[in-house]
Amino acid sequence: MNEPININEASFEKAVLQAPMPVLVDFWADWCGPCKMIAPVLNEIAREGEERYRIAKVNIDDEPALMQRFQVRGVPSLLFFKGGELRDQIVGVAPKKRIVEKLEALA
C-alpha cells in the first residue's frame, strides 16, 4: 500500500528530484488547520496512485531551508515535480479532483 513519505533536506534529492515518477510535495505545519484538512485527501491519493506517483511531506517547522529554497510563503503548499523539475503548484486547500488531475498530467 502506497503512503505519503516524510522527507527532509537530506532525503529530498533522492525522494523527489531523482524519483522515476511524478512527486507531489506537501509543505505543511502542525499548527496549520487547512494542512490537517487536506492530509486525509493526500493519504487517499497516495493509496489510489499506487506506483504512478509519490506523495511526500515536508514539515516547514523542521525544514526551513527547504521552505526557503522553494519560496514557500503559505501552507499547505503542494509542489508538483517531474524529472527533477518543479512543474506546478497549488497554494492552499484544493479539491481532490484538481490535485489528481495535476498528477495525472505529469504521469
N, C-alpha and C. Protein backbone atom coordinates (compact mmCIF):
# COMPACT_ATOMS: atom_id res chain seq x y z
N MET A 1 0.84 -1.18 0.00
CA MET A 1 0.00 0.00 0.00
C MET A 1 0.89 1.25 0.00
N ASN A 2 0.59 2.17 -0.86
CA ASN A 2 1.36 3.39 -1.01
C ASN A 2 0.88 4.43 0.00
N GLU A 3 1.80 4.98 0.77
CA GLU A 3 1.50 6.00 1.78
C GLU A 3 2.40 7.20 1.52
N PRO A 4 1.98 8.39 1.96
CA PRO A 4 2.89 9.54 1.87
C PRO A 4 4.16 9.28 2.69
N ILE A 5 5.27 9.81 2.19
CA ILE A 5 6.53 9.66 2.92
C ILE A 5 6.94 11.01 3.48
N ASN A 6 7.52 10.99 4.66
CA ASN A 6 8.06 12.21 5.27
C ASN A 6 9.50 12.35 4.81
N ILE A 7 9.82 13.54 4.29
CA ILE A 7 11.17 13.77 3.80
C ILE A 7 11.76 15.00 4.47
N ASN A 8 13.08 15.10 4.38
CA ASN A 8 13.80 16.24 4.92
C ASN A 8 14.83 16.69 3.90
N GLU A 9 15.64 17.65 4.27
CA GLU A 9 16.62 18.18 3.32
C GLU A 9 17.57 17.09 2.83
N ALA A 10 17.96 16.19 3.72
CA ALA A 10 18.90 15.12 3.36
C ALA A 10 18.29 14.13 2.37
N SER A 11 17.00 13.85 2.49
CA SER A 11 16.37 12.84 1.63
C SER A 11 15.67 13.45 0.41
N PHE A 12 15.61 14.77 0.32
CA PHE A 12 14.86 15.43 -0.74
C PHE A 12 15.36 15.06 -2.14
N GLU A 13 16.66 15.11 -2.32
CA GLU A 13 17.25 14.84 -3.65
C GLU A 13 16.82 13.48 -4.18
N LYS A 14 17.01 12.44 -3.37
CA LYS A 14 16.68 11.08 -3.81
C LYS A 14 15.17 10.86 -3.91
N ALA A 15 14.42 11.32 -2.92
CA ALA A 15 12.98 11.05 -2.86
C ALA A 15 12.18 11.84 -3.89
N VAL A 16 12.66 13.03 -4.24
CA VAL A 16 11.89 13.90 -5.13
C VAL A 16 12.60 14.12 -6.46
N LEU A 17 13.79 14.67 -6.43
CA LEU A 17 14.46 15.07 -7.67
C LEU A 17 14.93 13.88 -8.51
N GLN A 18 15.25 12.77 -7.87
CA GLN A 18 15.69 11.58 -8.62
C GLN A 18 14.59 10.54 -8.78
N ALA A 19 13.39 10.86 -8.37
CA ALA A 19 12.28 9.89 -8.44
C ALA A 19 11.95 9.56 -9.89
N PRO A 20 11.66 8.29 -10.17
CA PRO A 20 11.31 7.89 -11.53
C PRO A 20 9.86 8.22 -11.91
N MET A 21 9.11 8.76 -10.96
CA MET A 21 7.71 9.09 -11.21
C MET A 21 7.45 10.52 -10.72
N PRO A 22 6.31 11.12 -11.10
CA PRO A 22 5.98 12.44 -10.57
C PRO A 22 5.83 12.39 -9.05
N VAL A 23 6.20 13.50 -8.41
CA VAL A 23 6.12 13.58 -6.95
C VAL A 23 5.39 14.87 -6.56
N LEU A 24 4.41 14.71 -5.69
CA LEU A 24 3.73 15.86 -5.09
C LEU A 24 4.36 16.05 -3.72
N VAL A 25 4.91 17.24 -3.45
CA VAL A 25 5.49 17.54 -2.15
C VAL A 25 4.54 18.48 -1.41
N ASP A 26 4.07 18.02 -0.27
CA ASP A 26 3.15 18.78 0.58
C ASP A 26 3.97 19.48 1.66
N PHE A 27 4.08 20.81 1.54
CA PHE A 27 4.71 21.61 2.59
C PHE A 27 3.62 21.94 3.59
N TRP A 28 3.80 21.54 4.86
CA TRP A 28 2.75 21.65 5.87
C TRP A 28 3.35 22.02 7.23
N ALA A 29 2.47 22.25 8.20
CA ALA A 29 2.89 22.53 9.58
C ALA A 29 1.85 21.98 10.54
N ASP A 30 2.31 21.60 11.74
CA ASP A 30 1.41 21.06 12.77
C ASP A 30 0.31 22.05 13.16
N TRP A 31 0.63 23.33 13.19
CA TRP A 31 -0.30 24.36 13.64
C TRP A 31 -1.27 24.82 12.55
N CYS A 32 -1.18 24.25 11.37
CA CYS A 32 -1.95 24.69 10.21
C CYS A 32 -3.25 23.88 10.07
N GLY A 33 -4.39 24.54 10.32
CA GLY A 33 -5.69 23.88 10.20
C GLY A 33 -5.97 23.35 8.80
N PRO A 34 -5.78 24.16 7.74
CA PRO A 34 -6.01 23.65 6.38
C PRO A 34 -5.11 22.46 6.03
N CYS A 35 -3.90 22.42 6.61
CA CYS A 35 -3.00 21.28 6.37
C CYS A 35 -3.62 19.99 6.90
N LYS A 36 -4.25 20.10 8.07
CA LYS A 36 -4.90 18.93 8.68
C LYS A 36 -6.12 18.51 7.86
N MET A 37 -6.78 19.48 7.24
CA MET A 37 -7.95 19.17 6.40
C MET A 37 -7.55 18.41 5.14
N ILE A 38 -6.41 18.78 4.54
CA ILE A 38 -6.02 18.18 3.26
C ILE A 38 -5.24 16.87 3.44
N ALA A 39 -4.71 16.62 4.63
CA ALA A 39 -3.90 15.41 4.86
C ALA A 39 -4.64 14.11 4.51
N PRO A 40 -5.91 13.91 4.94
CA PRO A 40 -6.59 12.66 4.57
C PRO A 40 -6.79 12.53 3.06
N VAL A 41 -6.98 13.65 2.37
CA VAL A 41 -7.12 13.62 0.91
C VAL A 41 -5.82 13.16 0.27
N LEU A 42 -4.70 13.67 0.75
CA LEU A 42 -3.40 13.27 0.20
C LEU A 42 -3.11 11.80 0.51
N ASN A 43 -3.51 11.32 1.69
CA ASN A 43 -3.35 9.90 2.01
C ASN A 43 -4.13 9.04 1.03
N GLU A 44 -5.35 9.46 0.73
CA GLU A 44 -6.21 8.74 -0.21
C GLU A 44 -5.59 8.73 -1.61
N ILE A 45 -5.09 9.88 -2.05
CA ILE A 45 -4.46 9.97 -3.37
C ILE A 45 -3.24 9.05 -3.44
N ALA A 46 -2.45 9.02 -2.37
CA ALA A 46 -1.26 8.16 -2.34
C ALA A 46 -1.66 6.69 -2.48
N ARG A 47 -2.69 6.29 -1.73
CA ARG A 47 -3.14 4.89 -1.81
C ARG A 47 -3.66 4.55 -3.20
N GLU A 48 -4.45 5.43 -3.77
CA GLU A 48 -5.05 5.17 -5.08
C GLU A 48 -4.04 5.28 -6.22
N GLY A 49 -2.98 6.05 -6.00
CA GLY A 49 -2.00 6.27 -7.06
C GLY A 49 -1.05 5.11 -7.28
N GLU A 50 -1.05 4.17 -6.35
CA GLU A 50 -0.17 3.01 -6.39
C GLU A 50 1.25 3.46 -6.70
N GLU A 51 1.83 3.01 -7.79
CA GLU A 51 3.22 3.38 -8.10
C GLU A 51 3.32 4.41 -9.22
N ARG A 52 2.19 5.02 -9.61
CA ARG A 52 2.22 6.01 -10.71
C ARG A 52 2.83 7.33 -10.27
N TYR A 53 2.68 7.67 -9.00
CA TYR A 53 3.27 8.89 -8.46
C TYR A 53 3.47 8.73 -6.96
N ARG A 54 4.23 9.67 -6.39
CA ARG A 54 4.59 9.61 -4.97
C ARG A 54 4.09 10.89 -4.30
N ILE A 55 3.66 10.74 -3.05
CA ILE A 55 3.29 11.89 -2.21
C ILE A 55 4.34 11.98 -1.11
N ALA A 56 4.96 13.15 -1.00
CA ALA A 56 5.98 13.39 0.02
C ALA A 56 5.54 14.58 0.88
N LYS A 57 5.93 14.57 2.15
CA LYS A 57 5.52 15.63 3.07
C LYS A 57 6.76 16.27 3.70
N VAL A 58 6.74 17.61 3.76
CA VAL A 58 7.82 18.36 4.40
C VAL A 58 7.20 19.25 5.47
N ASN A 59 7.60 19.03 6.71
CA ASN A 59 7.16 19.88 7.82
C ASN A 59 8.03 21.14 7.80
N ILE A 60 7.41 22.29 7.53
CA ILE A 60 8.19 23.52 7.35
C ILE A 60 8.88 23.97 8.64
N ASP A 61 8.33 23.60 9.79
CA ASP A 61 8.97 23.97 11.05
C ASP A 61 10.26 23.19 11.27
N ASP A 62 10.32 21.97 10.73
CA ASP A 62 11.52 21.14 10.86
C ASP A 62 12.51 21.38 9.72
N GLU A 63 12.02 21.88 8.59
CA GLU A 63 12.85 22.02 7.38
C GLU A 63 12.75 23.42 6.77
N PRO A 64 13.15 24.46 7.52
CA PRO A 64 13.04 25.82 6.98
C PRO A 64 13.88 26.05 5.72
N ALA A 65 14.98 25.32 5.56
CA ALA A 65 15.82 25.52 4.37
C ALA A 65 15.08 25.10 3.10
N LEU A 66 14.32 23.98 3.16
CA LEU A 66 13.54 23.56 2.00
C LEU A 66 12.43 24.55 1.71
N MET A 67 11.83 25.08 2.77
CA MET A 67 10.77 26.07 2.60
C MET A 67 11.33 27.30 1.87
N GLN A 68 12.50 27.74 2.27
CA GLN A 68 13.13 28.90 1.62
C GLN A 68 13.57 28.58 0.20
N ARG A 69 14.12 27.40 0.00
CA ARG A 69 14.61 27.01 -1.33
C ARG A 69 13.51 27.09 -2.38
N PHE A 70 12.28 26.71 -1.99
CA PHE A 70 11.17 26.71 -2.95
C PHE A 70 10.22 27.89 -2.73
N GLN A 71 10.67 28.86 -1.94
CA GLN A 71 9.93 30.10 -1.71
C GLN A 71 8.48 29.85 -1.29
N VAL A 72 8.33 28.90 -0.37
CA VAL A 72 7.00 28.60 0.16
C VAL A 72 6.61 29.72 1.12
N ARG A 73 5.50 30.39 0.79
CA ARG A 73 5.05 31.54 1.59
C ARG A 73 3.83 31.21 2.46
N GLY A 74 3.09 30.17 2.08
CA GLY A 74 1.90 29.77 2.83
C GLY A 74 1.75 28.27 2.82
N VAL A 75 1.08 27.75 3.83
CA VAL A 75 0.84 26.31 3.90
C VAL A 75 -0.66 26.05 4.02
N PRO A 76 -1.13 24.96 3.47
CA PRO A 76 -0.36 23.98 2.71
C PRO A 76 0.04 24.51 1.33
N SER A 77 1.21 24.12 0.89
CA SER A 77 1.67 24.36 -0.48
C SER A 77 1.99 23.01 -1.09
N LEU A 78 1.37 22.72 -2.21
CA LEU A 78 1.58 21.46 -2.91
C LEU A 78 2.43 21.74 -4.15
N LEU A 79 3.63 21.19 -4.18
CA LEU A 79 4.53 21.38 -5.31
C LEU A 79 4.63 20.08 -6.09
N PHE A 80 4.50 20.18 -7.40
CA PHE A 80 4.49 19.02 -8.29
C PHE A 80 5.80 18.96 -9.06
N PHE A 81 6.52 17.85 -8.90
CA PHE A 81 7.82 17.66 -9.56
C PHE A 81 7.76 16.50 -10.54
N LYS A 82 8.50 16.63 -11.64
CA LYS A 82 8.72 15.52 -12.56
C LYS A 82 10.09 15.71 -13.19
N GLY A 83 10.84 14.62 -13.25
CA GLY A 83 12.17 14.68 -13.85
C GLY A 83 13.09 15.66 -13.15
N GLY A 84 12.92 15.81 -11.84
CA GLY A 84 13.78 16.68 -11.07
C GLY A 84 13.44 18.16 -11.16
N GLU A 85 12.35 18.50 -11.85
CA GLU A 85 11.98 19.89 -12.02
C GLU A 85 10.62 20.19 -11.42
N LEU A 86 10.49 21.38 -10.84
CA LEU A 86 9.20 21.85 -10.34
C LEU A 86 8.34 22.20 -11.55
N ARG A 87 7.18 21.55 -11.68
CA ARG A 87 6.32 21.73 -12.85
C ARG A 87 5.05 22.51 -12.57
N ASP A 88 4.57 22.46 -11.31
CA ASP A 88 3.29 23.11 -11.00
C ASP A 88 3.18 23.25 -9.49
N GLN A 89 2.20 24.04 -9.03
CA GLN A 89 1.96 24.13 -7.60
C GLN A 89 0.56 24.62 -7.31
N ILE A 90 0.12 24.29 -6.11
CA ILE A 90 -1.17 24.75 -5.58
C ILE A 90 -0.88 25.26 -4.17
N VAL A 91 -1.32 26.48 -3.87
CA VAL A 91 -1.19 27.00 -2.52
C VAL A 91 -2.58 27.01 -1.88
N GLY A 92 -2.68 26.40 -0.71
CA GLY A 92 -3.97 26.31 -0.03
C GLY A 92 -4.64 24.98 -0.29
N VAL A 93 -5.83 24.84 0.26
CA VAL A 93 -6.59 23.60 0.11
C VAL A 93 -7.20 23.56 -1.28
N ALA A 94 -7.14 22.39 -1.90
CA ALA A 94 -7.71 22.20 -3.23
C ALA A 94 -8.51 20.91 -3.23
N PRO A 95 -9.51 20.82 -4.11
CA PRO A 95 -10.27 19.57 -4.19
C PRO A 95 -9.41 18.42 -4.71
N LYS A 96 -9.74 17.23 -4.25
CA LYS A 96 -9.01 16.02 -4.65
C LYS A 96 -8.91 15.93 -6.17
N LYS A 97 -10.00 16.21 -6.86
CA LYS A 97 -10.03 16.08 -8.32
C LYS A 97 -8.96 16.95 -8.97
N ARG A 98 -8.79 18.17 -8.49
CA ARG A 98 -7.80 19.09 -9.07
C ARG A 98 -6.38 18.58 -8.83
N ILE A 99 -6.13 18.07 -7.63
CA ILE A 99 -4.81 17.55 -7.29
C ILE A 99 -4.47 16.34 -8.17
N VAL A 100 -5.43 15.42 -8.29
CA VAL A 100 -5.21 14.22 -9.10
C VAL A 100 -5.00 14.58 -10.57
N GLU A 101 -5.77 15.53 -11.08
CA GLU A 101 -5.61 15.95 -12.47
C GLU A 101 -4.19 16.47 -12.74
N LYS A 102 -3.66 17.24 -11.81
CA LYS A 102 -2.29 17.76 -11.98
C LYS A 102 -1.26 16.61 -11.95
N LEU A 103 -1.45 15.64 -11.05
CA LEU A 103 -0.56 14.50 -11.01
C LEU A 103 -0.66 13.66 -12.27
N GLU A 104 -1.88 13.39 -12.71
CA GLU A 104 -2.07 12.57 -13.91
C GLU A 104 -1.48 13.24 -15.15
N ALA A 105 -1.53 14.57 -15.18
CA ALA A 105 -0.96 15.30 -16.32
C ALA A 105 0.56 15.10 -16.41
N LEU A 106 1.17 14.81 -15.28
CA LEU A 106 2.63 14.60 -15.26
C LEU A 106 3.01 13.13 -15.41
N ALA A 107 2.08 12.24 -15.15
CA ALA A 107 2.38 10.79 -15.15
C ALA A 107 2.66 10.27 -16.55
